[in-house]
Amino acid sequence: MAVLEVTPDQEKIEMIREELMNRPGIFDIVVEAKSGRFKPGDDLLFLIVAGDIRENVKPVLSELLDRVKAEAIAKKEMQNVE
């Protein structure tokens, strides 16, 4: 079974979070990105966007997910060493 080695760039994640906090109606954004080796189905990224109305929150949550995965998380697939 293959495993995924994940290394988040916490500084880049914080830069993205701060940028998106300036969007209208957004009260708070929380990102937890775990690092290490994970197998399929493991939880490794948690995102919370709090805001006033759904129309303001949903696009920010979507952009946050896309940008964190694309810009701030390095992934490498490895063969499981047991």
N, C-alpha and C. Protein backbone atom coordinates (compact mmCIF):
# COMPACT_ATOMS: atom_id res chain seq x y z
N MET A 1 0.84 -1.18 0.00
CA MET A 1 0.00 0.00 0.00
C MET A 1 0.89 1.25 0.00
N ALA A 2 0.52 2.21 -0.81
CA ALA A 2 1.27 3.46 -0.87
C ALA A 2 0.84 4.38 0.26
N VAL A 3 1.77 5.18 0.72
CA VAL A 3 1.47 6.21 1.72
C VAL A 3 1.85 7.56 1.13
N LEU A 4 1.29 8.60 1.70
CA LEU A 4 1.54 9.95 1.22
C LEU A 4 2.30 10.70 2.31
N GLU A 5 3.45 11.24 1.96
CA GLU A 5 4.20 12.08 2.90
C GLU A 5 3.81 13.53 2.61
N VAL A 6 3.32 14.21 3.65
CA VAL A 6 2.77 15.55 3.51
C VAL A 6 3.58 16.53 4.36
N THR A 7 3.95 17.66 3.74
CA THR A 7 4.67 18.71 4.45
C THR A 7 3.99 20.05 4.17
N PRO A 8 3.25 20.57 5.14
CA PRO A 8 2.61 21.88 4.93
C PRO A 8 3.58 23.03 5.18
N ASP A 9 3.42 24.10 4.43
CA ASP A 9 4.17 25.33 4.62
C ASP A 9 3.29 26.26 5.47
N GLN A 10 3.51 26.26 6.78
CA GLN A 10 2.65 26.99 7.70
C GLN A 10 2.67 28.50 7.44
N GLU A 11 3.80 29.03 7.04
CA GLU A 11 3.88 30.47 6.75
C GLU A 11 3.01 30.83 5.55
N LYS A 12 3.05 30.01 4.50
CA LYS A 12 2.24 30.26 3.32
C LYS A 12 0.75 30.11 3.66
N ILE A 13 0.42 29.11 4.47
CA ILE A 13 -0.98 28.92 4.89
C ILE A 13 -1.46 30.16 5.63
N GLU A 14 -0.64 30.70 6.51
CA GLU A 14 -1.02 31.90 7.26
C GLU A 14 -1.19 33.10 6.33
N MET A 15 -0.35 33.23 5.32
CA MET A 15 -0.49 34.33 4.36
C MET A 15 -1.82 34.23 3.61
N ILE A 16 -2.18 33.02 3.18
CA ILE A 16 -3.46 32.81 2.49
C ILE A 16 -4.62 33.12 3.42
N ARG A 17 -4.52 32.64 4.67
CA ARG A 17 -5.58 32.87 5.66
C ARG A 17 -5.78 34.36 5.89
N GLU A 18 -4.70 35.09 6.08
CA GLU A 18 -4.80 36.54 6.32
C GLU A 18 -5.41 37.26 5.13
N GLU A 19 -5.02 36.85 3.93
CA GLU A 19 -5.58 37.48 2.73
C GLU A 19 -7.08 37.27 2.64
N LEU A 20 -7.53 36.04 2.89
CA LEU A 20 -8.95 35.73 2.77
C LEU A 20 -9.78 36.30 3.93
N MET A 21 -9.15 36.59 5.05
CA MET A 21 -9.85 37.21 6.18
C MET A 21 -10.39 38.59 5.81
N ASN A 22 -9.82 39.22 4.79
CA ASN A 22 -10.24 40.56 4.38
C ASN A 22 -11.48 40.54 3.48
N ARG A 23 -11.98 39.37 3.14
CA ARG A 23 -13.16 39.30 2.28
C ARG A 23 -14.41 39.73 3.05
N PRO A 24 -15.36 40.31 2.36
CA PRO A 24 -16.59 40.79 3.02
C PRO A 24 -17.32 39.65 3.75
N GLY A 25 -17.75 39.95 4.98
CA GLY A 25 -18.58 39.02 5.74
C GLY A 25 -17.84 37.90 6.43
N ILE A 26 -16.52 37.85 6.34
CA ILE A 26 -15.76 36.76 6.96
C ILE A 26 -15.32 37.20 8.35
N PHE A 27 -15.66 36.37 9.36
CA PHE A 27 -15.33 36.67 10.75
C PHE A 27 -14.03 36.00 11.19
N ASP A 28 -13.82 34.75 10.79
CA ASP A 28 -12.62 34.03 11.21
C ASP A 28 -12.37 32.86 10.27
N ILE A 29 -11.10 32.48 10.16
CA ILE A 29 -10.68 31.32 9.38
C ILE A 29 -9.67 30.55 10.20
N VAL A 30 -9.88 29.24 10.30
CA VAL A 30 -8.97 28.36 11.03
C VAL A 30 -8.51 27.27 10.07
N VAL A 31 -7.19 27.04 10.02
CA VAL A 31 -6.62 25.99 9.18
C VAL A 31 -5.72 25.12 10.05
N GLU A 32 -5.95 23.82 10.01
CA GLU A 32 -5.04 22.87 10.65
C GLU A 32 -4.57 21.90 9.58
N ALA A 33 -3.27 21.94 9.31
CA ALA A 33 -2.67 21.07 8.30
C ALA A 33 -1.64 20.19 9.00
N LYS A 34 -1.89 18.90 9.00
CA LYS A 34 -0.99 17.97 9.65
C LYS A 34 0.16 17.61 8.71
N SER A 35 1.28 17.24 9.32
CA SER A 35 2.42 16.79 8.52
C SER A 35 2.75 15.36 8.93
N GLY A 36 3.43 14.67 8.03
CA GLY A 36 3.83 13.30 8.31
C GLY A 36 3.42 12.37 7.18
N ARG A 37 3.31 11.09 7.52
CA ARG A 37 2.92 10.07 6.54
C ARG A 37 1.50 9.62 6.81
N PHE A 38 0.73 9.57 5.73
CA PHE A 38 -0.69 9.24 5.84
C PHE A 38 -1.06 8.18 4.82
N LYS A 39 -2.04 7.37 5.15
CA LYS A 39 -2.58 6.40 4.21
C LYS A 39 -3.92 6.92 3.71
N PRO A 40 -4.43 6.39 2.61
CA PRO A 40 -5.70 6.86 2.07
C PRO A 40 -6.79 6.83 3.14
N GLY A 41 -7.55 7.92 3.21
CA GLY A 41 -8.63 8.03 4.17
C GLY A 41 -8.27 8.74 5.46
N ASP A 42 -6.98 8.95 5.71
CA ASP A 42 -6.57 9.68 6.92
C ASP A 42 -6.93 11.16 6.79
N ASP A 43 -7.29 11.76 7.92
CA ASP A 43 -7.57 13.19 7.96
C ASP A 43 -6.26 13.95 8.08
N LEU A 44 -6.03 14.89 7.18
CA LEU A 44 -4.79 15.65 7.26
C LEU A 44 -4.97 17.14 7.08
N LEU A 45 -6.17 17.59 6.71
CA LEU A 45 -6.42 19.02 6.52
C LEU A 45 -7.81 19.36 7.03
N PHE A 46 -7.87 20.33 7.94
CA PHE A 46 -9.14 20.79 8.49
C PHE A 46 -9.25 22.29 8.24
N LEU A 47 -10.38 22.72 7.68
CA LEU A 47 -10.61 24.12 7.35
C LEU A 47 -11.93 24.58 7.94
N ILE A 48 -11.92 25.75 8.58
CA ILE A 48 -13.15 26.35 9.10
C ILE A 48 -13.18 27.79 8.63
N VAL A 49 -14.31 28.18 8.03
CA VAL A 49 -14.54 29.57 7.65
C VAL A 49 -15.84 30.00 8.29
N ALA A 50 -15.76 31.01 9.15
CA ALA A 50 -16.95 31.55 9.81
C ALA A 50 -17.26 32.92 9.22
N GLY A 51 -18.55 33.13 8.93
CA GLY A 51 -18.94 34.40 8.36
C GLY A 51 -20.41 34.67 8.56
N ASP A 52 -20.86 35.75 7.97
CA ASP A 52 -22.22 36.19 8.20
C ASP A 52 -23.26 35.40 7.41
N ILE A 53 -23.08 35.24 6.12
CA ILE A 53 -24.06 34.51 5.31
C ILE A 53 -23.34 33.53 4.39
N ARG A 54 -24.07 32.50 4.01
CA ARG A 54 -23.53 31.42 3.18
C ARG A 54 -22.90 31.94 1.89
N GLU A 55 -23.51 32.94 1.27
CA GLU A 55 -23.00 33.47 0.00
C GLU A 55 -21.62 34.09 0.15
N ASN A 56 -21.26 34.53 1.35
CA ASN A 56 -19.91 35.05 1.59
C ASN A 56 -18.94 33.94 2.00
N VAL A 57 -19.43 32.93 2.70
CA VAL A 57 -18.57 31.90 3.26
C VAL A 57 -18.16 30.84 2.22
N LYS A 58 -19.10 30.36 1.43
CA LYS A 58 -18.81 29.25 0.52
C LYS A 58 -17.69 29.55 -0.48
N PRO A 59 -17.68 30.70 -1.14
CA PRO A 59 -16.59 30.94 -2.09
C PRO A 59 -15.22 31.05 -1.40
N VAL A 60 -15.20 31.59 -0.19
CA VAL A 60 -13.94 31.71 0.54
C VAL A 60 -13.44 30.33 0.96
N LEU A 61 -14.34 29.47 1.44
CA LEU A 61 -13.97 28.11 1.80
C LEU A 61 -13.42 27.36 0.60
N SER A 62 -14.08 27.49 -0.53
CA SER A 62 -13.62 26.82 -1.75
C SER A 62 -12.24 27.32 -2.18
N GLU A 63 -12.05 28.64 -2.18
CA GLU A 63 -10.75 29.19 -2.57
C GLU A 63 -9.67 28.80 -1.56
N LEU A 64 -10.01 28.80 -0.27
CA LEU A 64 -9.06 28.41 0.76
C LEU A 64 -8.57 26.98 0.52
N LEU A 65 -9.49 26.06 0.30
CA LEU A 65 -9.12 24.67 0.04
C LEU A 65 -8.23 24.55 -1.19
N ASP A 66 -8.64 25.15 -2.28
CA ASP A 66 -7.87 25.06 -3.52
C ASP A 66 -6.47 25.65 -3.36
N ARG A 67 -6.38 26.81 -2.73
CA ARG A 67 -5.08 27.47 -2.62
C ARG A 67 -4.15 26.78 -1.63
N VAL A 68 -4.69 26.34 -0.50
CA VAL A 68 -3.83 25.64 0.47
C VAL A 68 -3.27 24.37 -0.16
N LYS A 69 -4.12 23.60 -0.83
CA LYS A 69 -3.64 22.36 -1.45
C LYS A 69 -2.64 22.63 -2.56
N ALA A 70 -2.87 23.67 -3.37
CA ALA A 70 -2.01 23.94 -4.51
C ALA A 70 -0.73 24.69 -4.14
N GLU A 71 -0.82 25.62 -3.18
CA GLU A 71 0.29 26.52 -2.91
C GLU A 71 1.08 26.21 -1.64
N ALA A 72 0.47 25.48 -0.69
CA ALA A 72 1.11 25.40 0.62
C ALA A 72 1.33 23.99 1.16
N ILE A 73 1.02 22.99 0.37
CA ILE A 73 1.22 21.62 0.84
C ILE A 73 2.03 20.84 -0.19
N ALA A 74 3.17 20.33 0.27
CA ALA A 74 4.00 19.46 -0.57
C ALA A 74 3.64 18.02 -0.26
N LYS A 75 3.43 17.22 -1.33
CA LYS A 75 3.06 15.82 -1.15
C LYS A 75 4.00 14.94 -1.95
N LYS A 76 4.30 13.79 -1.37
CA LYS A 76 5.14 12.83 -2.06
C LYS A 76 4.59 11.45 -1.77
N GLU A 77 4.28 10.70 -2.82
CA GLU A 77 3.77 9.33 -2.65
C GLU A 77 4.95 8.39 -2.43
N MET A 78 4.82 7.52 -1.44
CA MET A 78 5.88 6.58 -1.09
C MET A 78 5.29 5.19 -0.92
N GLN A 79 6.13 4.20 -1.10
CA GLN A 79 5.71 2.84 -0.80
C GLN A 79 5.77 2.64 0.72
N ASN A 80 4.76 2.00 1.24
CA ASN A 80 4.66 1.78 2.68
C ASN A 80 5.81 0.88 3.16
N VAL A 81 6.52 1.33 4.17
CA VAL A 81 7.61 0.56 4.77
C VAL A 81 7.11 0.02 6.10
N GLU A 82 6.85 -1.29 6.13
CA GLU A 82 6.33 -1.88 7.39
C GLU A 82 7.32 -2.81 8.01
